[in-house]
Amino acid sequence: MQQTRLKLILISAFIFITASSGRNIPVYNAGSNNVKVITYNVHHCNPPEKAGVIDVNAIAAVIKKQNADIAAVQEIDVNTVRSGKINEAEQLATKAGYKSSFFAKAMDYDGGQYGILILSKYPLTETKAYALPMDSSNGGEQRMLATGTVTLPGGKTFRFGCTHLEAYHKTSRDLQIKEICRIADETSLPFIVAGDFNANEGSDVINTLDEHFMRTCSNCPPTFWEDGETGAIDFIASKPKNAITVLSHNVIQNKEASDHMPVVAELQLK
C-alpha cells in the first residue's frame, strides 16, 4: 500500500515538474516574424519654439511609448556645443530602452558630431555607414545611409537602413535615393529603409523609391510642419515587395518634442 502511494507521489511530482519546466520553453508563433518600426527626425532633441532647449527625455519618452523593435532617428548631436556636449545617441538608447545602437556621423559640427542613429531591441550586426553622393555644384551637408542586419527572435533576418536626404537641392536628393536603391540591391535579405527623405509623394525621389521599395502608406498623412509648411516627407519602405506585408501605418500626433512627427509601421516578414 505504501509502495503504491509512493509511486503515485513520484508520478505526480514528475508530471508537475515536466509541466512547470515546459512553461520556460520559448514558443515562437507567427508574431515572431513581425517587426514594428519607427522613424523620427528629432531636431537634435530641440523642441519647437524653444530655442536653445535640449530635451532628450521628451524624445526618448516618445520613442519608448511606441515600443518599436527598431528605430531610425535623424538629426542626432554627439558632444556638440549647441546640445550641451552630451552624447544624444547613447542617451536615447539608454532612456528609450534599446540594447543595440549604431550612430553614423554625417559631419563634424560645433565641436562634436552630427548624424543619424539606428536603435534596435534585437541584435544589430554588420553595421555600415555609407556617405551618399552630392551634386558638387550646389554643395550642402553630407548625407548618410546607416545600415545593419537585424535578427528577430524567430530567427528571421533583414537589413535595416536609416537615412536623411538633402533638404534644399533636388539634384542631390535624386543622386542619394538612387544610391540607396543600389546599396539595397546588393543584399539578398529583405531590406527595410526608413527616414526623412525631404521629398513629397509624386516627386522624382519618391517615384524612384517606389520603383524599388514598397512604402507602408500611400496618400500619407503629414509628418512635419515648419514655417507654415506641412506634408509627408518621412517614410518607411521595404523590398522585395512580395517579402513583407504591411500590417499598419500611423503618424503619431506629437508636435511638442520635435518639428517632425514619428511615423510607425508594423510589418510582417513572410
Protein backbone atom coordinates (compact mmCIF):
# COMPACT_ATOMS: atom_id res chain seq x y z
CA MET A 1 0.00 0.00 0.00
CA GLN A 2 2.77 2.36 0.95
CA GLN A 3 4.72 1.46 -2.17
CA THR A 4 1.68 2.20 -4.35
CA ARG A 5 1.19 5.54 -2.61
CA LEU A 6 4.90 6.37 -3.09
CA LYS A 7 4.67 5.54 -6.80
CA LEU A 8 1.65 7.84 -7.16
CA ILE A 9 3.51 10.65 -5.40
CA LEU A 10 6.56 10.21 -7.65
CA ILE A 11 4.42 10.13 -10.80
CA SER A 12 2.55 13.28 -9.71
CA ALA A 13 5.83 15.06 -8.96
CA PHE A 14 7.22 14.09 -12.36
CA ILE A 15 4.14 15.41 -14.14
CA PHE A 16 4.28 18.65 -12.14
CA ILE A 17 7.99 19.21 -12.85
CA THR A 18 7.56 18.44 -16.53
CA ALA A 19 4.62 20.79 -16.86
CA SER A 20 6.38 23.52 -14.91
CA SER A 21 9.58 23.27 -16.93
CA GLY A 22 7.52 23.44 -20.11
CA ARG A 23 6.47 26.97 -19.21
CA ASN A 24 10.07 28.09 -19.53
CA ILE A 25 10.49 26.80 -23.07
CA PRO A 26 10.09 29.72 -25.52
CA VAL A 27 7.38 29.06 -28.08
CA TYR A 28 7.54 31.23 -31.20
CA ASN A 29 4.45 31.87 -33.26
CA ALA A 30 3.74 33.87 -36.41
CA GLY A 31 4.24 37.05 -34.41
CA SER A 32 7.94 36.24 -34.20
CA ASN A 33 8.25 37.45 -37.79
CA ASN A 34 6.54 40.75 -37.04
CA VAL A 35 8.60 43.89 -36.66
CA LYS A 36 7.48 47.33 -35.51
CA VAL A 37 9.47 50.22 -36.99
CA ILE A 38 9.57 53.88 -36.05
CA THR A 39 11.27 56.71 -37.94
CA TYR A 40 11.68 60.07 -36.25
CA ASN A 41 13.53 63.28 -37.12
CA VAL A 42 14.20 64.65 -33.64
CA HIS A 43 15.70 68.10 -34.49
CA HIS A 44 18.74 67.38 -32.24
CA CYS A 45 16.27 66.97 -29.34
CA ASN A 46 15.35 70.67 -29.55
CA PRO A 47 11.58 71.19 -29.10
CA PRO A 48 9.86 73.63 -31.49
CA GLU A 49 9.51 77.19 -30.24
CA LYS A 50 12.11 76.54 -27.51
CA ALA A 51 15.36 77.95 -28.85
CA GLY A 52 18.42 76.57 -27.10
CA VAL A 53 16.48 73.94 -25.13
CA ILE A 54 17.65 70.33 -25.38
CA ASP A 55 15.18 67.75 -24.09
CA VAL A 56 16.45 64.21 -24.64
CA ASN A 57 13.93 62.89 -22.12
CA ALA A 58 11.00 64.14 -24.20
CA ILE A 59 12.27 62.45 -27.37
CA ALA A 60 13.12 59.23 -25.51
CA ALA A 61 9.64 59.15 -23.98
CA VAL A 62 8.00 59.48 -27.42
CA ILE A 63 10.10 56.64 -28.84
CA LYS A 64 9.69 54.41 -25.77
CA LYS A 65 5.91 54.81 -25.76
CA GLN A 66 5.66 53.33 -29.25
CA ASN A 67 7.61 50.23 -28.15
CA ALA A 68 9.03 49.72 -31.63
CA ASP A 69 11.50 46.92 -32.29
CA ILE A 70 13.76 49.16 -34.32
CA ALA A 71 14.06 52.92 -34.74
CA ALA A 72 15.54 55.17 -37.41
CA VAL A 73 16.41 58.52 -35.83
CA GLN A 74 17.66 61.59 -37.68
CA GLU A 75 19.40 64.82 -36.64
CA ILE A 76 21.39 63.49 -33.71
CA ASP A 77 24.08 65.52 -31.94
CA VAL A 78 27.03 63.82 -30.26
CA ASN A 79 29.08 66.07 -27.97
CA THR A 80 28.21 69.32 -29.78
CA VAL A 81 28.29 72.66 -28.00
CA ARG A 82 24.73 73.52 -29.03
CA SER A 83 23.43 70.38 -27.29
CA GLY A 84 25.46 70.82 -24.12
CA LYS A 85 28.28 68.43 -25.08
CA ILE A 86 26.13 65.36 -24.42
CA ASN A 87 26.01 62.14 -26.44
CA GLU A 88 22.39 62.10 -27.61
CA ALA A 89 22.87 58.73 -29.35
CA GLU A 90 23.92 56.96 -26.15
CA GLN A 91 21.34 58.72 -24.00
CA LEU A 92 18.45 57.92 -26.34
CA ALA A 93 19.44 54.25 -26.50
CA THR A 94 19.54 54.05 -22.70
CA LYS A 95 16.46 56.14 -21.92
CA ALA A 96 14.27 54.57 -24.64
CA GLY A 97 15.35 51.04 -23.70
CA TYR A 98 17.31 49.75 -26.70
CA LYS A 99 20.07 47.19 -26.32
CA SER A 100 21.72 47.80 -29.69
CA SER A 101 22.54 51.07 -31.43
CA PHE A 102 24.61 52.42 -34.30
CA PHE A 103 25.44 56.09 -34.88
CA ALA A 104 26.61 57.21 -38.32
CA LYS A 105 28.37 60.57 -38.38
CA ALA A 106 27.38 62.78 -41.28
CA MET A 107 29.78 65.60 -40.41
CA ASP A 108 31.75 67.32 -37.69
CA TYR A 109 29.68 70.09 -36.15
CA ASP A 110 30.09 72.65 -33.37
CA GLY A 111 32.84 70.79 -31.56
CA GLY A 112 31.19 67.39 -31.92
CA GLN A 113 29.43 65.22 -34.47
CA TYR A 114 26.06 65.30 -36.23
CA GLY A 115 24.36 62.38 -37.91
CA ILE A 116 21.78 59.59 -37.84
CA LEU A 117 21.05 56.70 -35.49
CA ILE A 118 19.66 53.16 -35.54
CA LEU A 119 18.22 51.73 -32.32
CA SER A 120 17.30 48.04 -32.07
CA LYS A 121 15.89 45.79 -29.37
CA TYR A 122 17.40 42.82 -31.16
CA PRO A 123 20.98 42.01 -32.20
CA LEU A 124 22.32 44.52 -34.72
CA THR A 125 25.29 43.25 -36.72
CA GLU A 126 27.25 44.07 -39.87
CA THR A 127 26.69 47.78 -39.33
CA LYS A 128 27.95 50.12 -42.02
CA ALA A 129 27.74 53.83 -42.81
CA TYR A 130 27.55 54.98 -46.43
CA ALA A 131 28.33 58.56 -47.46
CA LEU A 132 25.68 59.45 -50.02
CA PRO A 133 26.62 61.41 -53.17
CA MET A 134 26.01 65.13 -53.57
CA ASP A 135 25.78 67.48 -56.53
CA SER A 136 29.09 69.31 -56.09
CA SER A 137 27.83 72.42 -57.88
CA ASN A 138 25.23 73.01 -55.15
CA GLY A 139 27.16 71.99 -52.05
CA GLY A 140 25.11 71.21 -48.97
CA GLU A 141 25.51 68.97 -45.94
CA GLN A 142 26.89 65.46 -46.24
CA ARG A 143 24.09 62.88 -46.01
CA MET A 144 24.33 59.25 -44.92
CA LEU A 145 22.73 55.83 -45.02
CA ALA A 146 23.30 53.81 -41.84
CA THR A 147 22.66 50.08 -42.18
CA GLY A 148 22.71 46.95 -40.06
CA THR A 149 21.44 43.37 -40.04
CA VAL A 150 18.66 42.67 -37.54
CA THR A 151 17.85 39.17 -36.24
CA LEU A 152 14.32 38.64 -34.91
CA PRO A 153 13.52 36.16 -32.08
CA GLY A 154 12.15 33.67 -34.59
CA GLY A 155 15.44 33.67 -36.49
CA LYS A 156 14.39 35.85 -39.43
CA THR A 157 17.00 38.38 -40.52
CA PHE A 158 16.77 41.53 -42.59
CA ARG A 159 18.83 44.59 -43.45
CA PHE A 160 17.69 47.89 -41.99
CA GLY A 161 18.63 51.34 -43.19
CA CYS A 162 18.22 54.81 -41.70
CA THR A 163 18.67 57.89 -43.86
CA HIS A 164 18.18 61.66 -44.08
CA LEU A 165 18.33 63.11 -47.58
CA GLU A 166 19.43 66.55 -48.73
CA ALA A 167 16.94 69.26 -47.78
CA TYR A 168 17.47 72.03 -50.32
CA HIS A 169 18.86 70.62 -53.58
CA LYS A 170 16.78 68.24 -55.67
CA THR A 171 19.71 67.08 -57.78
CA SER A 172 21.50 65.80 -54.68
CA ARG A 173 18.35 64.05 -53.43
CA ASP A 174 17.99 62.30 -56.78
CA LEU A 175 21.57 61.05 -56.60
CA GLN A 176 21.12 59.93 -53.00
CA ILE A 177 17.94 57.91 -53.48
CA LYS A 178 19.46 56.13 -56.47
CA GLU A 179 22.50 55.20 -54.37
CA ILE A 180 20.27 53.88 -51.57
CA CYS A 181 18.43 51.68 -54.07
CA ARG A 182 21.75 50.42 -55.46
CA ILE A 183 23.01 49.54 -51.97
CA ALA A 184 19.76 47.75 -51.12
CA ASP A 185 20.04 45.68 -54.30
CA GLU A 186 23.40 44.29 -53.12
CA THR A 187 21.82 42.06 -50.46
CA SER A 188 19.58 39.02 -50.86
CA LEU A 189 17.98 39.74 -47.47
CA PRO A 190 14.78 41.77 -47.15
CA PHE A 191 15.70 45.44 -46.78
CA ILE A 192 13.71 47.99 -44.77
CA VAL A 193 14.64 51.66 -45.12
CA ALA A 194 13.24 54.49 -43.03
CA GLY A 195 13.95 58.15 -42.61
CA ASP A 196 13.45 61.74 -43.66
CA PHE A 197 13.51 61.84 -47.46
CA ASN A 198 12.81 65.58 -47.73
CA ALA A 199 10.53 64.82 -50.67
CA ASN A 200 6.78 64.51 -51.16
CA GLU A 201 4.78 61.79 -52.85
CA GLY A 202 4.81 62.29 -56.61
CA SER A 203 8.34 63.73 -56.60
CA ASP A 204 11.13 62.12 -58.61
CA VAL A 205 12.76 60.98 -55.36
CA ILE A 206 9.71 59.13 -54.05
CA ASN A 207 8.90 57.78 -57.51
CA THR A 208 12.39 56.26 -57.59
CA LEU A 209 11.89 54.87 -54.09
CA ASP A 210 8.58 53.32 -55.19
CA GLU A 211 10.23 51.62 -58.17
CA HIS A 212 12.44 49.61 -55.82
CA PHE A 213 10.58 49.54 -52.49
CA MET A 214 7.03 49.25 -51.16
CA ARG A 215 6.13 52.14 -48.85
CA THR A 216 3.92 51.48 -45.81
CA CYS A 217 1.48 54.18 -46.91
CA SER A 218 0.03 55.98 -49.90
CA ASN A 219 -1.65 59.37 -49.75
CA CYS A 220 0.27 59.59 -46.50
CA PRO A 221 -0.73 61.95 -43.67
CA PRO A 222 1.61 64.90 -42.91
CA THR A 223 4.73 64.15 -40.92
CA PHE A 224 6.20 67.62 -40.35
CA TRP A 225 5.42 71.30 -40.09
CA GLU A 226 7.80 74.26 -40.35
CA ASP A 227 7.15 77.95 -41.03
CA GLY A 228 3.60 77.22 -42.10
CA GLU A 229 4.63 74.35 -44.41
CA THR A 230 3.49 70.78 -43.91
CA GLY A 231 3.43 67.48 -45.76
CA ALA A 232 4.55 63.85 -45.71
CA ILE A 233 8.32 63.52 -46.17
CA ASP A 234 9.16 60.81 -43.59
CA PHE A 235 8.63 57.27 -44.86
CA ILE A 236 9.18 53.58 -44.15
CA ALA A 237 9.62 51.23 -47.11
CA SER A 238 10.71 47.66 -47.80
CA LYS A 239 11.93 45.37 -50.55
CA PRO A 240 11.41 42.98 -52.20
CA LYS A 241 7.77 43.96 -52.39
CA ASN A 242 6.49 40.39 -52.04
CA ALA A 243 8.61 39.56 -48.98
CA ILE A 244 6.94 41.82 -46.42
CA THR A 245 3.32 42.54 -45.53
CA VAL A 246 2.31 45.94 -44.13
CA LEU A 247 0.07 45.42 -41.10
CA SER A 248 -0.36 49.06 -40.06
CA HIS A 249 0.92 52.61 -40.61
CA ASN A 250 0.46 55.55 -38.25
CA VAL A 251 1.73 59.08 -37.79
CA ILE A 252 1.88 59.88 -34.09
CA GLN A 253 0.35 63.28 -33.39
CA ASN A 254 3.09 64.73 -31.23
CA LYS A 255 4.10 68.30 -32.05
CA GLU A 256 5.75 69.15 -28.76
CA ALA A 257 9.08 67.25 -28.89
CA SER A 258 10.23 67.94 -32.48
CA ASP A 259 9.22 69.68 -35.70
CA HIS A 260 8.59 66.22 -37.20
CA MET A 261 6.13 63.61 -36.00
CA PRO A 262 7.08 59.96 -35.53
CA VAL A 263 5.99 57.52 -38.23
CA VAL A 264 5.29 53.98 -37.01
CA ALA A 265 4.59 50.87 -39.08
CA GLU A 266 4.08 47.21 -38.22
CA LEU A 267 5.43 44.77 -40.79
CA GLN A 268 5.45 41.00 -41.16
CA LEU A 269 8.27 39.14 -42.88
CA LYS A 270 6.79 36.33 -44.92
